[in-house]
Protein backbone atom coordinates (compact mmCIF):
# COMPACT_ATOMS: atom_id res chain seq x y z
CA MET A 1 14.84 8.91 1.99
CA SER A 2 11.78 10.52 3.53
CA SER A 3 9.91 8.79 6.36
CA LEU A 4 6.80 8.69 4.14
CA ILE A 5 8.57 6.65 1.44
CA PHE A 6 10.11 4.41 4.10
CA THR A 7 6.75 3.73 5.77
CA TYR A 8 5.00 3.24 2.45
CA THR A 9 7.57 0.64 1.39
CA ILE A 10 7.29 -1.26 4.67
CA VAL A 11 3.48 -1.35 4.30
CA VAL A 12 3.73 -2.78 0.78
CA LEU A 13 6.23 -5.40 1.95
CA CYS A 14 3.93 -6.40 4.82
CA VAL A 15 0.99 -6.76 2.42
CA CYS A 16 3.09 -9.08 0.24
CA LEU A 17 4.16 -11.25 3.16
CA SER A 18 0.68 -11.41 4.67
CA THR A 19 -0.95 -12.45 1.39
CA ALA A 20 1.74 -15.03 0.67
CA SER A 21 1.32 -16.48 4.17
CA ILE A 22 -2.46 -16.74 3.78
CA SER A 23 -2.08 -18.43 0.39
CA ILE A 24 0.44 -20.92 1.78
CA ALA A 25 -1.88 -21.69 4.69
CA ALA A 26 -4.77 -22.20 2.27
CA TYR A 27 -2.71 -24.66 0.26
CA ILE A 28 -1.69 -26.59 3.37
CA VAL A 29 -5.33 -26.85 4.45
CA SER A 30 -6.96 -27.60 1.09
CA ARG A 31 -4.11 -28.96 -1.08
CA ARG A 32 -5.58 -26.95 -3.96
CA PRO A 33 -2.85 -26.20 -6.58
CA LYS A 34 -4.33 -22.78 -7.38
CA TYR A 35 -2.90 -21.36 -4.15
CA VAL A 36 0.72 -22.13 -5.12
CA PRO A 37 1.14 -19.47 -7.86
CA GLN A 38 -0.68 -16.99 -5.62
CA ALA A 39 1.86 -17.49 -2.85
CA LEU A 40 4.84 -17.49 -5.23
CA PHE A 41 3.61 -14.28 -6.91
CA PHE A 42 3.67 -12.33 -3.65
CA VAL A 43 6.91 -13.89 -2.43
CA ALA A 44 8.64 -12.93 -5.69
CA TYR A 45 7.25 -9.39 -5.57
CA PHE A 46 8.40 -9.08 -1.94
CA VAL A 47 11.92 -10.20 -2.91
CA GLU A 48 12.12 -7.71 -5.78
CA LEU A 49 10.86 -4.77 -3.75
CA THR A 50 13.26 -5.69 -0.94
CA GLN A 51 16.14 -5.61 -3.42
CA ILE A 52 15.13 -2.12 -4.62
CA PHE A 53 14.64 -0.90 -1.05
CA GLY A 54 17.99 -2.33 0.04
CA GLY A 55 19.78 -0.75 -2.91
CA GLU A 56 18.36 2.67 -2.04
CA TRP A 57 19.34 2.33 1.61
CA LEU A 58 22.85 1.20 0.71
CA LEU A 59 23.39 4.01 -1.78
CA GLN A 60 22.32 6.64 0.71
CA ASN A 61 25.05 5.45 3.05
CA VAL A 62 27.90 4.93 0.60
CA GLY A 63 27.07 7.10 -2.44
CA THR A 64 24.62 9.40 -4.17
CA VAL A 65 21.99 9.15 -6.87
CA THR A 66 23.21 10.83 -10.06
CA ALA A 67 22.53 10.71 -13.79
CA ALA A 68 25.26 8.05 -14.00
CA ASN A 69 23.30 5.52 -11.94
CA TYR A 70 19.67 6.76 -11.81
CA TYR A 71 18.69 4.97 -15.02
CA GLU A 72 20.74 1.86 -14.39
CA VAL A 73 19.00 -1.53 -14.21
CA ASP A 74 20.54 -2.83 -11.01
CA GLU A 75 21.50 -6.53 -11.06
CA PRO A 76 19.92 -7.14 -14.48
CA ALA A 77 20.08 -10.95 -14.37
CA PHE A 78 18.22 -10.96 -11.06
CA ARG A 79 15.64 -8.44 -12.32
CA ILE A 80 14.97 -10.49 -15.45
CA LEU A 81 14.61 -13.72 -13.44
CA ILE A 82 12.41 -12.31 -10.68
CA GLY A 83 10.27 -10.46 -13.21
CA ALA A 84 9.79 -13.69 -15.15
CA VAL A 85 8.65 -15.48 -11.98
CA ILE A 86 6.18 -12.69 -11.13
CA LEU A 87 4.71 -12.61 -14.63
CA ALA A 88 4.63 -16.41 -14.97
CA CYS A 89 2.62 -16.64 -11.74
CA LEU A 90 0.21 -13.96 -12.92
CA TRP A 91 -0.26 -15.75 -16.26
CA ARG A 92 -0.88 -19.02 -14.38
CA ILE A 93 -3.49 -17.40 -12.11
CA ILE A 94 -5.36 -15.93 -15.08
CA PHE A 95 -5.03 -19.17 -17.06
CA ASP A 96 -6.69 -21.01 -14.16
CA ILE A 97 -9.58 -18.55 -14.31
CA ILE A 98 -10.11 -19.00 -18.06
CA ASP A 99 -9.49 -22.79 -18.04
CA VAL A 100 -6.36 -22.76 -20.19
CA ARG A 101 -4.08 -25.73 -19.53
CA GLY A 102 -0.66 -26.78 -20.77
CA PRO A 103 2.86 -25.76 -19.67
CA ARG A 104 3.84 -24.68 -23.20
CA LEU A 105 1.38 -21.78 -23.11
CA LEU A 106 3.01 -20.60 -19.89
CA VAL A 107 6.63 -21.16 -20.89
CA LEU A 108 6.47 -19.33 -24.23
CA PRO A 109 5.45 -15.85 -22.92
CA THR A 110 7.88 -16.19 -20.00
CA VAL A 111 10.81 -17.00 -22.29
CA ALA A 112 9.77 -14.23 -24.69
CA LEU A 113 9.82 -11.71 -21.81
CA CYS A 114 13.29 -12.79 -20.68
CA VAL A 115 14.73 -12.68 -24.23
CA ALA A 116 13.20 -9.26 -24.97
CA GLN A 117 14.56 -7.73 -21.76
CA ALA A 118 18.01 -9.26 -22.29
CA LEU A 119 18.20 -7.92 -25.85
CA ILE A 120 17.22 -4.44 -24.67
CA LEU A 121 20.02 -4.42 -22.10
CA VAL A 122 22.61 -5.74 -24.58
CA LEU A 123 21.72 -3.72 -27.66
CA LEU A 124 20.74 -0.31 -26.27
CA PRO A 125 23.10 2.19 -24.60
CA TYR A 126 22.66 3.31 -21.00
CA GLY A 127 19.91 5.89 -20.63
CA PRO A 128 16.22 6.50 -19.88
CA LEU A 129 14.94 4.88 -23.10
CA ARG A 130 16.77 1.63 -22.33
CA GLN A 131 15.36 1.50 -18.81
CA TRP A 132 11.85 2.44 -19.97
CA LEU A 133 11.78 -0.31 -22.59
CA PHE A 134 13.15 -2.84 -20.09
CA TYR A 135 10.34 -2.25 -17.59
CA THR A 136 7.63 -1.73 -20.21
CA MET A 137 8.18 -5.30 -21.44
CA ARG A 138 6.46 -6.41 -18.23
CA GLN A 139 3.38 -4.38 -19.06
CA VAL A 140 3.44 -5.76 -22.60
CA SER A 141 3.40 -9.24 -21.07
CA ILE A 142 0.44 -8.37 -18.82
CA LEU A 143 -1.47 -6.85 -21.74
CA GLY A 144 -0.76 -10.01 -23.74
CA CYS A 145 -2.17 -12.11 -20.91
CA LEU A 146 -5.32 -9.98 -20.70
CA ALA A 147 -5.69 -10.14 -24.49
CA CYS A 148 -5.45 -13.94 -24.28
CA ALA A 149 -8.20 -13.97 -21.65
CA PHE A 150 -10.40 -11.69 -23.77
CA ARG A 151 -9.90 -13.88 -26.83
CA ARG A 152 -10.81 -16.95 -24.79
CA TYR A 153 -13.93 -15.19 -23.51
CA ARG A 154 -15.05 -14.24 -27.01
CA SER A 155 -14.30 -17.61 -28.62
CA ASN A 156 -15.64 -19.98 -25.95
CA ARG A 157 -19.42 -20.24 -26.37
CA ASP A 158 -19.93 -22.61 -23.46
CA GLU A 159 -22.76 -21.16 -21.41
CA MET A 160 -21.27 -22.11 -18.04
CA PHE A 161 -17.92 -20.56 -18.99
CA GLN A 162 -19.67 -17.34 -20.07
CA GLN A 163 -21.56 -17.16 -16.78
CA ARG A 164 -18.33 -17.58 -14.82
CA MET A 165 -16.61 -14.86 -16.79
CA VAL A 166 -19.41 -12.35 -16.16
CA LYS A 167 -18.26 -12.15 -12.53
CA ARG A 168 -14.63 -11.77 -13.59
CA ARG A 169 -15.01 -8.96 -16.13
CA PRO A 170 -14.65 -6.10 -13.58
CA LEU A 171 -11.46 -7.73 -12.28
CA PHE A 172 -9.92 -7.89 -15.75
CA LEU A 173 -10.96 -4.31 -16.52
CA ILE A 174 -9.37 -3.03 -13.31
CA LEU A 175 -6.14 -4.90 -14.12
CA LEU A 176 -6.18 -3.32 -17.58
CA VAL A 177 -6.57 0.18 -16.12
CA PHE A 178 -3.76 -0.42 -13.62
CA THR A 179 -1.47 -1.72 -16.37
CA LEU A 180 -2.06 1.35 -18.52
CA CYS A 181 -1.42 3.56 -15.47
CA ILE A 182 1.90 1.78 -14.91
CA VAL A 183 2.95 2.53 -18.49
CA CYS A 184 1.91 6.19 -18.15
CA GLU A 185 3.76 6.57 -14.83
CA ASP A 186 6.94 4.98 -16.19
CA THR A 187 6.75 7.19 -19.27
CA TYR A 188 6.53 10.33 -17.14
CA ILE A 189 9.06 9.36 -14.44
CA ILE A 190 11.70 7.83 -16.72
CA LEU A 191 11.36 9.74 -19.98
CA LEU A 192 9.98 13.15 -18.97
CA ALA A 193 10.62 14.00 -15.30
CA PRO A 194 14.06 15.23 -14.12
CA ILE A 195 16.19 13.38 -11.59
CA PRO A 196 15.24 14.50 -8.02
CA ALA A 197 17.40 17.38 -6.81
CA SER A 198 19.76 16.99 -3.87
CA ASN A 199 17.41 18.96 -1.57
CA SER A 200 14.31 16.98 -2.59
CA PRO A 201 12.60 14.63 -0.08
CA LEU A 202 12.84 12.02 -2.86
CA THR A 203 16.64 12.20 -2.96
CA GLY A 204 18.08 8.71 -2.72
CA VAL A 205 14.93 7.09 -4.05
CA PHE A 206 15.15 5.32 -7.40
CA LEU A 207 11.80 6.52 -8.71
CA SER A 208 12.70 5.08 -12.11
CA SER A 209 12.88 1.58 -10.55
CA ARG A 210 9.76 2.01 -8.44
CA ASN A 211 6.21 2.39 -9.70
CA ILE A 212 3.38 3.54 -7.44
CA SER A 213 0.71 2.29 -9.85
CA GLU A 214 2.34 -1.14 -9.89
CA ASN A 215 2.39 -1.22 -6.09
CA LEU A 216 -1.29 -0.24 -5.98
CA MET A 217 -2.14 -2.97 -8.49
CA MET A 218 -0.32 -5.47 -6.31
CA ILE A 219 -2.24 -4.27 -3.24
CA PHE A 220 -5.51 -4.59 -5.18
CA ILE A 221 -4.63 -8.16 -6.21
CA ALA A 222 -3.66 -8.87 -2.60
CA ALA A 223 -7.00 -7.57 -1.31
CA VAL A 224 -8.95 -9.73 -3.78
CA THR A 225 -6.75 -12.75 -2.95
CA ILE A 226 -7.11 -12.35 0.81
CA TYR A 227 -10.88 -11.84 0.60
CA GLN A 228 -11.50 -14.88 -1.58
CA THR A 229 -9.02 -17.13 0.23
CA VAL A 230 -10.24 -16.29 3.74
CA ARG A 231 -13.87 -16.69 2.60
CA ASP A 232 -13.13 -20.08 1.06
CA LEU A 233 -11.29 -21.27 4.15
CA ALA A 234 -14.09 -20.06 6.43
CA LEU A 235 -16.75 -21.84 4.37
CA ARG A 236 -14.73 -25.06 4.27
CA PHE A 237 -14.16 -24.85 8.01
CA ASN A 238 -17.85 -24.37 8.77
CA GLU A 239 -19.06 -26.89 6.20
CA PRO A 240 -16.43 -29.13 4.57
CA PRO A 241 -17.19 -29.78 0.87
CA GLU A 242 -19.03 -32.98 0.06
CA VAL A 243 -17.88 -33.09 -3.55
CA GLN A 244 -14.36 -34.33 -4.16
CA VAL A 245 -12.61 -33.80 -7.47
CA ASP A 246 -11.94 -37.10 -9.22
CA ALA A 247 -10.10 -36.61 -12.50
CA LYS A 248 -11.12 -40.08 -13.70
CA LYS A 249 -14.83 -39.44 -13.28
CA HIS A 250 -15.18 -35.71 -13.82
CA ASN A 251 -13.98 -32.84 -15.91
CA THR A 252 -11.36 -31.67 -13.42
CA SER A 253 -11.52 -27.96 -14.33
CA LEU A 254 -15.31 -27.91 -14.10
CA ALA A 255 -15.32 -29.85 -10.83
CA GLU A 256 -12.82 -27.39 -9.31
CA HIS A 257 -14.98 -24.40 -10.31
CA ILE A 258 -18.04 -26.13 -8.82
CA GLU A 259 -16.18 -26.87 -5.61
CA ASP A 260 -15.09 -23.22 -5.38
CA ARG A 261 -18.66 -21.92 -5.55
CA LEU A 262 -20.64 -24.69 -3.92
CA PRO A 263 -20.00 -23.90 -0.19
CA ALA A 264 -21.10 -20.24 -0.47
CA TYR A 265 -24.09 -21.01 -2.70
CA ALA A 266 -25.24 -23.84 -0.45
CA GLN A 267 -24.88 -21.71 2.67
CA LEU A 268 -26.83 -18.85 1.06
CA HIS A 269 -29.79 -21.07 0.18
CA LYS A 270 -29.53 -23.35 3.25
CA LEU A 271 -29.10 -26.56 1.30
CA SER A 272 -28.61 -29.86 3.11
CA LYS A 273 -25.55 -32.06 2.56
CA ARG A 274 -27.42 -34.35 0.19
CA GLU A 275 -28.88 -31.37 -1.70
CA ARG A 276 -25.39 -29.91 -2.13
CA GLU A 277 -24.16 -33.21 -3.50
CA ILE A 278 -27.03 -33.44 -5.99
CA LEU A 279 -26.70 -29.78 -6.97
CA ALA A 280 -23.03 -30.29 -7.85
CA LEU A 281 -23.92 -33.17 -10.16
CA VAL A 282 -26.77 -31.19 -11.74
CA VAL A 283 -24.45 -28.27 -12.45
CA GLU A 284 -21.98 -30.74 -13.92
CA GLY A 285 -24.68 -31.64 -16.47
CA LYS A 286 -25.78 -35.07 -15.29
CA SER A 287 -29.34 -36.33 -15.74
CA ASN A 288 -31.53 -37.59 -12.90
CA ARG A 289 -30.84 -41.18 -13.95
CA GLU A 290 -27.07 -40.63 -13.96
CA ILE A 291 -27.21 -38.93 -10.55
CA ALA A 292 -29.32 -41.76 -9.13
CA SER A 293 -26.86 -44.33 -10.47
CA GLU A 294 -23.83 -42.50 -9.08
CA LEU A 295 -25.36 -41.90 -5.63
CA ILE A 296 -27.11 -45.31 -5.52
CA LEU A 297 -30.52 -43.73 -4.93
CA ALA A 298 -33.93 -44.11 -6.55
CA GLU A 299 -34.60 -41.74 -9.43
CA GLY A 300 -37.77 -40.57 -7.67
CA THR A 301 -35.68 -39.58 -4.65
CA ILE A 302 -33.42 -37.49 -6.89
CA LYS A 303 -36.46 -35.74 -8.38
CA THR A 304 -37.75 -34.91 -4.90
CA HIS A 305 -34.39 -33.50 -3.80
CA LEU A 306 -34.08 -31.51 -7.02
CA HIS A 307 -37.58 -30.05 -6.52
CA ASN A 308 -36.57 -28.93 -3.01
CA ILE A 309 -33.31 -27.46 -4.31
CA MET A 310 -35.06 -25.38 -6.97
CA LYS A 311 -37.65 -24.23 -4.44
CA LYS A 312 -34.98 -23.07 -1.98
CA CYS A 313 -33.01 -21.37 -4.75
CA GLY A 314 -36.08 -19.73 -6.30
CA GLN A 315 -35.58 -21.31 -9.73
CA SER A 316 -38.13 -23.08 -11.92
CA ASN A 317 -35.96 -25.40 -14.03
CA ARG A 318 -32.48 -26.94 -14.25
CA GLY A 319 -31.24 -24.39 -16.78
CA ASP A 320 -32.14 -21.41 -14.60
CA LEU A 321 -30.68 -23.20 -11.58
CA LYS A 322 -27.34 -23.67 -13.33
CA LYS A 323 -27.28 -20.05 -14.53
CA ASP A 324 -28.05 -18.81 -11.02
CA PHE A 325 -25.29 -21.00 -9.61
CA TRP A 326 -22.64 -19.61 -11.96
CA ARG A 327 -23.81 -16.02 -11.42
CA SER A 328 -23.42 -16.41 -7.66
């Protein structure tokens, strides 16, 4: 194995561990459930890549890479299980973004992935096509998840949901491009390219089990995760959120989205604690009378605060204020 491949693999492993650690720390600090699948996603990917890396190292010391083992799916039960965990976490993360709830919607695609991969291993003979189909099932699962998100985006006419999704569209498009690149790379490496020769710097590397595009997609997801998580933690450290999610009083999904955006939006427009509290209730769709009743304040006081909020935010009415909040 060349030193470049060795160093590259160590870097990817470190990225996985760092992102998982940050996500775990964020969960410990905030107790927000959304950080759990993030952490598990990177832990599972770290475990899988470690298994591939360890297999390559072991083979270089006790054997050689040949046509008889190059296209083998090493430890298939483990690969099916760890792949299911990775994809289930990714589905959960995207489902949280598009406000899809219910364990059944998460279990069904995960079970379908496991069954499809198991059938491929049982029914097809050893060879490049078998291995290609086995790994491509993962990309099919990702494409299915993105298709589900797109369908949700097109069918949900809620204005606040649409505004939230505007900020997420580039993320979904980048994931789509990465997924298609993974399929193209697997097609070339597994189905078209020859096995590395004995004098090649790639000798001893299971290129058919690795995927550079997949690693780059993981690093991209890690970068987005670290940026958003560290930003959220910094904002909560500097200015703890005033709005607490109460499932009995609020739409929990909506309240969580508001809580995610409120610290940064309030800091940008220099809103006071009371103004942040009122803004959250306005975005939630409550009238001045309902806000006054909930905060035990006079309705005239709410109107004054709301006037100051719109002035600071540069908006002329409640509708524009809500749109500006979700575009932030």
